[in-house]
PDB file of N, CA and C in Angstrom:
ATOM      1  N   MET A   1     104.570 184.347  48.779  1.00  0.00           N
ATOM      2  CA  MET A   1     105.742 183.521  49.042  1.00  0.00           C
ATOM      3  C   MET A   1     106.242 182.967  47.709  1.00  0.00           C
ATOM      4  N   GLY A   2     107.495 183.195  47.426  1.00  0.00           N
ATOM      5  CA  GLY A   2     108.042 182.710  46.177  1.00  0.00           C
ATOM      6  C   GLY A   2     109.284 181.883  46.394  1.00  0.00           C
ATOM      7  N   ASP A   3     110.118 181.843  45.385  1.00  0.00           N
ATOM      8  CA  ASP A   3     111.341 181.049  45.458  1.00  0.00           C
ATOM      9  C   ASP A   3     112.283 181.526  46.556  1.00  0.00           C
ATOM     10  N   ASP A   4     112.134 182.770  47.006  1.00  0.00           N
ATOM     11  CA  ASP A   4     113.009 183.299  48.042  1.00  0.00           C
ATOM     12  C   ASP A   4     112.906 182.485  49.332  1.00  0.00           C
ATOM     13  N   VAL A   5     111.760 181.904  49.631  1.00  0.00           N
ATOM     14  CA  VAL A   5     111.598 181.091  50.832  1.00  0.00           C
ATOM     15  C   VAL A   5     112.490 179.861  50.753  1.00  0.00           C
ATOM     16  N   ARG A   6     112.599 179.263  49.579  1.00  0.00           N
ATOM     17  CA  ARG A   6     113.469 178.094  49.428  1.00  0.00           C
ATOM     18  C   ARG A   6     114.928 178.440  49.670  1.00  0.00           C
ATOM     19  N   ALA A   7     115.289 179.692  49.471  1.00  0.00           N
ATOM     20  CA  ALA A   7     116.671 180.111  49.701  1.00  0.00           C
ATOM     21  C   ALA A   7     117.006 180.200  51.192  1.00  0.00           C
ATOM     22  N   ILE A   8     115.980 180.326  52.042  1.00  0.00           N
ATOM     23  CA  ILE A   8     116.243 180.477  53.478  1.00  0.00           C
ATOM     24  C   ILE A   8     115.709 179.305  54.292  1.00  0.00           C
ATOM     25  N   THR A   9     115.255 178.247  53.594  1.00  0.00           N
ATOM     26  CA  THR A   9     114.732 177.075  54.289  1.00  0.00           C
ATOM     27  C   THR A   9     115.213 175.797  53.605  1.00  0.00           C
ATOM     28  N   ALA A  10     115.046 174.682  54.298  1.00  0.00           N
ATOM     29  CA  ALA A  10     115.312 173.360  53.718  1.00  0.00           C
ATOM     30  C   ALA A  10     114.237 172.416  54.233  1.00  0.00           C
ATOM     31  N   PHE A  11     113.699 171.591  53.343  1.00  0.00           N
ATOM     32  CA  PHE A  11     112.645 170.658  53.712  1.00  0.00           C
ATOM     33  C   PHE A  11     113.057 169.269  53.269  1.00  0.00           C
ATOM     34  N   ASN A  12     112.983 168.293  54.193  1.00  0.00           N
ATOM     35  CA  ASN A  12     113.417 166.943  53.875  1.00  0.00           C
ATOM     36  C   ASN A  12     112.395 165.927  54.405  1.00  0.00           C
ATOM     37  N   PRO A  13     111.527 165.393  53.526  1.00  0.00           N
ATOM     38  CA  PRO A  13     110.616 164.329  53.955  1.00  0.00           C
ATOM     39  C   PRO A  13     111.359 162.993  53.953  1.00  0.00           C
ATOM     40  N   TYR A  14     110.991 162.098  54.877  1.00  0.00           N
ATOM     41  CA  TYR A  14     111.637 160.784  54.918  1.00  0.00           C
ATOM     42  C   TYR A  14     110.715 159.796  55.616  1.00  0.00           C
ATOM     43  N   ILE A  15     111.044 158.513  55.477  1.00  0.00           N
ATOM     44  CA  ILE A  15     110.309 157.429  56.128  1.00  0.00           C
ATOM     45  C   ILE A  15     111.223 156.845  57.211  1.00  0.00           C
ATOM     46  N   THR A  16     110.715 156.725  58.441  1.00  0.00           N
ATOM     47  CA  THR A  16     111.514 156.168  59.534  1.00  0.00           C
ATOM     48  C   THR A  16     111.644 154.654  59.361  1.00  0.00           C
ATOM     49  N   LYS A  17     112.531 154.048  60.131  1.00  0.00           N
ATOM     50  CA  LYS A  17     112.733 152.596  60.058  1.00  0.00           C
ATOM     51  C   LYS A  17     111.457 151.819  60.345  1.00  0.00           C
ATOM     52  N   ASP A  18     110.581 152.386  61.187  1.00  0.00           N
ATOM     53  CA  ASP A  18     109.319 151.696  61.487  1.00  0.00           C
ATOM     54  C   ASP A  18     108.209 152.043  60.480  1.00  0.00           C
ATOM     55  N   GLY A  19     108.563 152.718  59.388  1.00  0.00           N
ATOM     56  CA  GLY A  19     107.619 152.983  58.301  1.00  0.00           C
ATOM     57  C   GLY A  19     106.783 154.237  58.453  1.00  0.00           C
ATOM     58  N   ARG A  20     107.089 155.081  59.397  1.00  0.00           N
ATOM     59  CA  ARG A  20     106.303 156.299  59.633  1.00  0.00           C
ATOM     60  C   ARG A  20     106.811 157.443  58.761  1.00  0.00           C
ATOM     61  N   GLN A  21     105.869 158.129  58.111  1.00  0.00           N
ATOM     62  CA  GLN A  21     106.231 159.305  57.322  1.00  0.00           C
ATOM     63  C   GLN A  21     106.620 160.432  58.271  1.00  0.00           C
ATOM     64  N   SER A  22     107.768 161.023  58.031  1.00  0.00           N
ATOM     65  CA  SER A  22     108.279 162.098  58.874  1.00  0.00           C
ATOM     66  C   SER A  22     108.905 163.171  57.996  1.00  0.00           C
ATOM     67  N   PHE A  23     109.291 164.279  58.613  1.00  0.00           N
ATOM     68  CA  PHE A  23     109.969 165.328  57.854  1.00  0.00           C
ATOM     69  C   PHE A  23     110.829 166.164  58.793  1.00  0.00           C
ATOM     70  N   ARG A  24     111.787 166.834  58.169  1.00  0.00           N
ATOM     71  CA  ARG A  24     112.650 167.794  58.869  1.00  0.00           C
ATOM     72  C   ARG A  24     112.566 169.092  58.073  1.00  0.00           C
ATOM     73  N   PHE A  25     112.344 170.177  58.783  1.00  0.00           N
ATOM     74  CA  PHE A  25     112.276 171.498  58.162  1.00  0.00           C
ATOM     75  C   PHE A  25     113.260 172.396  58.896  1.00  0.00           C
ATOM     76  N   VAL A  26     114.141 173.035  58.146  1.00  0.00           N
ATOM     77  CA  VAL A  26     115.159 173.913  58.725  1.00  0.00           C
ATOM     78  C   VAL A  26     114.944 175.315  58.176  1.00  0.00           C
ATOM     79  N   ALA A  27     114.913 176.285  59.080  1.00  0.00           N
ATOM     80  CA  ALA A  27     114.712 177.678  58.664  1.00  0.00           C
ATOM     81  C   ALA A  27     115.576 178.600  59.510  1.00  0.00           C
ATOM     82  N   LYS A  28     115.855 179.765  58.962  1.00  0.00           N
ATOM     83  CA  LYS A  28     116.620 180.756  59.713  1.00  0.00           C
ATOM     84  C   LYS A  28     115.815 181.215  60.924  1.00  0.00           C
ATOM     85  N   ASN A  29     116.520 181.563  61.971  1.00  0.00           N
ATOM     86  CA  ASN A  29     115.902 181.980  63.224  1.00  0.00           C
ATOM     87  C   ASN A  29     115.369 183.418  63.165  1.00  0.00           C
ATOM     88  N   LYS A  30     115.469 184.044  62.014  1.00  0.00           N
ATOM     89  CA  LYS A  30     114.995 185.417  61.836  1.00  0.00           C
ATOM     90  C   LYS A  30     114.358 185.528  60.459  1.00  0.00           C
ATOM     91  N   LEU A  31     113.198 186.177  60.409  1.00  0.00           N
ATOM     92  CA  LEU A  31     112.518 186.368  59.129  1.00  0.00           C
ATOM     93  C   LEU A  31     113.140 187.543  58.372  1.00  0.00           C
ATOM     94  N   PRO A  32     113.060 187.503  57.029  1.00  0.00           N
ATOM     95  CA  PRO A  32     113.534 188.654  56.253  1.00  0.00           C
ATOM     96  C   PRO A  32     112.751 189.913  56.639  1.00  0.00           C
ATOM     97  N   SER A  33     113.358 191.064  56.469  1.00  0.00           N
ATOM     98  CA  SER A  33     112.755 192.333  56.900  1.00  0.00           C
ATOM     99  C   SER A  33     111.393 192.591  56.265  1.00  0.00           C
ATOM    100  N   TYR A  34     111.163 192.113  55.049  1.00  0.00           N
ATOM    101  CA  TYR A  34     109.879 192.384  54.391  1.00  0.00           C
ATOM    102  C   TYR A  34     108.710 191.634  55.032  1.00  0.00           C
ATOM    103  N   TYR A  35     108.962 190.766  55.998  1.00  0.00           N
ATOM    104  CA  TYR A  35     107.885 190.120  56.753  1.00  0.00           C
ATOM    105  C   TYR A  35     107.422 190.997  57.913  1.00  0.00           C
ATOM    106  N   GLY A  36     108.089 192.127  58.125  1.00  0.00           N
ATOM    107  CA  GLY A  36     107.678 193.053  59.182  1.00  0.00           C
ATOM    108  C   GLY A  36     107.714 192.400  60.546  1.00  0.00           C
ATOM    109  N   ASN A  37     106.636 192.530  61.300  1.00  0.00           N
ATOM    110  CA  ASN A  37     106.562 191.986  62.658  1.00  0.00           C
ATOM    111  C   ASN A  37     105.831 190.650  62.708  1.00  0.00           C
ATOM    112  N   ALA A  38     105.888 189.870  61.640  1.00  0.00           N
ATOM    113  CA  ALA A  38     105.213 188.569  61.596  1.00  0.00           C
ATOM    114  C   ALA A  38     105.775 187.642  62.667  1.00  0.00           C
ATOM    115  N   ASP A  39     104.916 186.783  63.198  1.00  0.00           N
ATOM    116  CA  ASP A  39     105.321 185.811  64.210  1.00  0.00           C
ATOM    117  C   ASP A  39     106.191 184.732  63.560  1.00  0.00           C
ATOM    118  N   LEU A  40     107.375 184.525  64.102  1.00  0.00           N
ATOM    119  CA  LEU A  40     108.348 183.593  63.525  1.00  0.00           C
ATOM    120  C   LEU A  40     107.804 182.168  63.455  1.00  0.00           C
ATOM    121  N   GLN A  41     107.320 181.633  64.569  1.00  0.00           N
ATOM    122  CA  GLN A  41     106.853 180.245  64.576  1.00  0.00           C
ATOM    123  C   GLN A  41     105.630 180.071  63.674  1.00  0.00           C
ATOM    124  N   HIS A  42     104.696 180.996  63.717  1.00  0.00           N
ATOM    125  CA  HIS A  42     103.498 180.901  62.873  1.00  0.00           C
ATOM    126  C   HIS A  42     103.894 180.908  61.392  1.00  0.00           C
ATOM    127  N   THR A  43     104.840 181.771  61.038  1.00  0.00           N
ATOM    128  CA  THR A  43     105.305 181.843  59.640  1.00  0.00           C
ATOM    129  C   THR A  43     105.981 180.541  59.243  1.00  0.00           C
ATOM    130  N   HIS A  44     106.846 180.013  60.100  1.00  0.00           N
ATOM    131  CA  HIS A  44     107.513 178.736  59.800  1.00  0.00           C
ATOM    132  C   HIS A  44     106.486 177.617  59.633  1.00  0.00           C
ATOM    133  N   GLU A  45     105.481 177.570  60.493  1.00  0.00           N
ATOM    134  CA  GLU A  45     104.461 176.526  60.389  1.00  0.00           C
ATOM    135  C   GLU A  45     103.648 176.672  59.100  1.00  0.00           C
ATOM    136  N   SER A  46     103.427 177.897  58.646  1.00  0.00           N
ATOM    137  CA  SER A  46     102.754 178.105  57.356  1.00  0.00           C
ATOM    138  C   SER A  46     103.615 177.576  56.215  1.00  0.00           C
ATOM    139  N   TRP A  47     104.917 177.842  56.293  1.00  0.00           N
ATOM    140  CA  TRP A  47     105.824 177.335  55.259  1.00  0.00           C
ATOM    141  C   TRP A  47     105.836 175.809  55.255  1.00  0.00           C
ATOM    142  N   ILE A  48     105.842 175.199  56.447  1.00  0.00           N
ATOM    143  CA  ILE A  48     105.819 173.736  56.546  1.00  0.00           C
ATOM    144  C   ILE A  48     104.550 173.195  55.899  1.00  0.00           C
ATOM    145  N   SER A  49     103.411 173.775  56.231  1.00  0.00           N
ATOM    146  CA  SER A  49     102.133 173.330  55.645  1.00  0.00           C
ATOM    147  C   SER A  49     102.150 173.460  54.130  1.00  0.00           C
ATOM    148  N   ASN A  50     102.703 174.551  53.628  1.00  0.00           N
ATOM    149  CA  ASN A  50     102.780 174.749  52.178  1.00  0.00           C
ATOM    150  C   ASN A  50     103.651 173.686  51.521  1.00  0.00           C
ATOM    151  N   GLU A  51     104.801 173.398  52.113  1.00  0.00           N
ATOM    152  CA  GLU A  51     105.690 172.367  51.563  1.00  0.00           C
ATOM    153  C   GLU A  51     105.003 171.006  51.558  1.00  0.00           C
ATOM    154  N   LEU A  52     104.345 170.665  52.663  1.00  0.00           N
ATOM    155  CA  LEU A  52     103.653 169.379  52.743  1.00  0.00           C
ATOM    156  C   LEU A  52     102.552 169.299  51.693  1.00  0.00           C
ATOM    157  N   GLY A  53     101.817 170.373  51.508  1.00  0.00           N
ATOM    158  CA  GLY A  53     100.740 170.396  50.518  1.00  0.00           C
ATOM    159  C   GLY A  53     101.259 170.252  49.098  1.00  0.00           C
ATOM    160  N   LYS A  54     102.320 170.963  48.773  1.00  0.00           N
ATOM    161  CA  LYS A  54     102.900 170.880  47.425  1.00  0.00           C
ATOM    162  C   LYS A  54     103.340 169.457  47.098  1.00  0.00           C
ATOM    163  N   ARG A  55     103.850 168.767  48.095  1.00  0.00           N
ATOM    164  CA  ARG A  55     104.374 167.411  47.889  1.00  0.00           C
ATOM    165  C   ARG A  55     103.323 166.328  48.133  1.00  0.00           C
ATOM    166  N   GLN A  56     102.117 166.746  48.550  1.00  0.00           N
ATOM    167  CA  GLN A  56     101.053 165.813  48.916  1.00  0.00           C
ATOM    168  C   GLN A  56     101.566 164.790  49.940  1.00  0.00           C
ATOM    169  N   TYR A  57     102.181 165.315  50.969  1.00  0.00           N
ATOM    170  CA  TYR A  57     102.799 164.527  52.029  1.00  0.00           C
ATOM    171  C   TYR A  57     102.035 164.834  53.311  1.00  0.00           C
ATOM    172  N   CYS A  58     101.849 163.875  54.169  1.00  0.00           N
ATOM    173  CA  CYS A  58     101.085 164.031  55.423  1.00  0.00           C
ATOM    174  C   CYS A  58      99.645 164.463  55.123  1.00  0.00           C
ATOM    175  N   MET A  59      98.997 163.751  54.219  1.00  0.00           N
ATOM    176  CA  MET A  59      97.653 164.123  53.779  1.00  0.00           C
ATOM    177  C   MET A  59      96.611 164.055  54.900  1.00  0.00           C
ATOM    178  N   LYS A  60      96.883 163.352  55.989  1.00  0.00           N
ATOM    179  CA  LYS A  60      95.950 163.273  57.122  1.00  0.00           C
ATOM    180  C   LYS A  60      96.363 164.201  58.257  1.00  0.00           C
ATOM    181  N   GLY A  61      97.291 165.098  57.986  1.00  0.00           N
ATOM    182  CA  GLY A  61      97.773 166.027  58.999  1.00  0.00           C
ATOM    183  C   GLY A  61      99.147 165.650  59.514  1.00  0.00           C
ATOM    184  N   TYR A  62      99.667 166.474  60.385  1.00  0.00           N
ATOM    185  CA  TYR A  62     101.005 166.248  60.929  1.00  0.00           C
ATOM    186  C   TYR A  62     101.104 166.837  62.323  1.00  0.00           C
ATOM    187  N   GLU A  63     102.193 166.475  62.987  1.00  0.00           N
ATOM    188  CA  GLU A  63     102.477 167.012  64.312  1.00  0.00           C
ATOM    189  C   GLU A  63     103.958 167.367  64.363  1.00  0.00           C
ATOM    190  N   ILE A  64     104.262 168.558  64.862  1.00  0.00           N
ATOM    191  CA  ILE A  64     105.653 168.945  65.102  1.00  0.00           C
ATOM    192  C   ILE A  64     106.050 168.302  66.428  1.00  0.00           C
ATOM    193  N   VAL A  65     107.076 167.453  66.422  1.00  0.00           N
ATOM    194  CA  VAL A  65     107.476 166.757  67.644  1.00  0.00           C
ATOM    195  C   VAL A  65     108.682 167.398  68.332  1.00  0.00           C
ATOM    196  N   SER A  66     109.434 168.215  67.590  1.00  0.00           N
ATOM    197  CA  SER A  66     110.533 168.940  68.228  1.00  0.00           C
ATOM    198  C   SER A  66     110.877 170.179  67.424  1.00  0.00           C
ATOM    199  N   LYS A  67     111.398 171.146  68.135  1.00  0.00           N
ATOM    200  CA  LYS A  67     111.833 172.421  67.546  1.00  0.00           C
ATOM    201  C   LYS A  67     113.145 172.758  68.244  1.00  0.00           C
ATOM    202  N   THR A  68     114.259 172.702  67.493  1.00  0.00           N
ATOM    203  CA  THR A  68     115.577 172.831  68.101  1.00  0.00           C
ATOM    204  C   THR A  68     116.374 173.960  67.455  1.00  0.00           C
ATOM    205  N   PRO A  69     116.740 174.977  68.230  1.00  0.00           N
ATOM    206  CA  PRO A  69     117.639 176.009  67.692  1.00  0.00           C
ATOM    207  C   PRO A  69     119.057 175.447  67.565  1.00  0.00           C
ATOM    208  N   THR A  70     119.789 175.918  66.565  1.00  0.00           N
ATOM    209  CA  THR A  70     121.171 175.468  66.369  1.00  0.00           C
ATOM    210  C   THR A  70     122.138 176.632  66.585  1.00  0.00           C
ATOM    211  N   SER A  71     123.402 176.313  66.661  1.00  0.00           N
ATOM    212  CA  SER A  71     124.425 177.347  66.844  1.00  0.00           C
ATOM    213  C   SER A  71     124.622 178.180  65.569  1.00  0.00           C
ATOM    214  N   GLU A  72     124.084 177.701  64.439  1.00  0.00           N
ATOM    215  CA  GLU A  72     124.210 178.438  63.174  1.00  0.00           C
ATOM    216  C   GLU A  72     123.044 179.405  62.964  1.00  0.00           C
ATOM    217  N   ASP A  73     122.291 179.718  64.041  1.00  0.00           N
ATOM    218  CA  ASP A  73     121.158 180.626  63.992  1.00  0.00           C
ATOM    219  C   ASP A  73     120.025 180.086  63.104  1.00  0.00           C
ATOM    220  N   LEU A  74     119.823 178.775  63.196  1.00  0.00           N
ATOM    221  CA  LEU A  74     118.750 178.097  62.476  1.00  0.00           C
ATOM    222  C   LEU A  74     117.829 177.427  63.486  1.00  0.00           C
ATOM    223  N   ILE A  75     116.625 177.070  63.032  1.00  0.00           N
ATOM    224  CA  ILE A  75     115.707 176.273  63.841  1.00  0.00           C
ATOM    225  C   ILE A  75     115.382 175.016  63.040  1.00  0.00           C
ATOM    226  N   VAL A  76     115.524 173.859  63.686  1.00  0.00           N
ATOM    227  CA  VAL A  76     115.222 172.581  63.050  1.00  0.00           C
ATOM    228  C   VAL A  76     113.911 172.054  63.631  1.00  0.00           C
ATOM    229  N   TYR A  77     112.918 171.912  62.767  1.00  0.00           N
ATOM    230  CA  TYR A  77     111.630 171.348  63.159  1.00  0.00           C
ATOM    231  C   TYR A  77     111.605 169.892  62.703  1.00  0.00           C
ATOM    232  N   GLU A  78     111.219 168.986  63.603  1.00  0.00           N
ATOM    233  CA  GLU A  78     111.025 167.589  63.258  1.00  0.00           C
ATOM    234  C   GLU A  78     109.538 167.307  63.389  1.00  0.00           C
ATOM    235  N   GLY A  79     108.971 166.640  62.385  1.00  0.00           N
ATOM    236  CA  GLY A  79     107.555 166.364  62.414  1.00  0.00           C
ATOM    237  C   GLY A  79     107.236 164.959  61.948  1.00  0.00           C
ATOM    238  N   VAL A  80     106.036 164.504  62.305  1.00  0.00           N
ATOM    239  CA  VAL A  80     105.545 163.195  61.879  1.00  0.00           C
ATOM    240  C   VAL A  80     104.147 163.347  61.291  1.00  0.00           C
ATOM    241  N   CYS A  81     103.849 162.513  60.329  1.00  0.00           N
ATOM    242  CA  CYS A  81     102.522 162.512  59.727  1.00  0.00           C
ATOM    243  C   CYS A  81     101.568 161.713  60.609  1.00  0.00           C
ATOM    244  N   LYS A  82     100.309 162.108  60.610  1.00  0.00           N
ATOM    245  CA  LYS A  82      99.282 161.386  61.370  1.00  0.00           C
ATOM    246  C   LYS A  82      98.729 160.250  60.548  1.00  0.00           C
TER     247      LYS A  82
END
């Protein structure tokens, strides 16, 4: 996984009003052809884990609380840190 993943995804960590660490991850609803028959959700969750690790965010783990497809052929994942 290289810089090409950043071209097809967006990651936004933030703190909620009640002080909880959260994040939003947006990815295309289709993987690039070089991923072959890889599972879309599993691949997205791997990318999320990688982003969290690089930023040292959600060090005690996280939970995906929603997964919403958009009309722009994207999937928006909302998550919270444990």
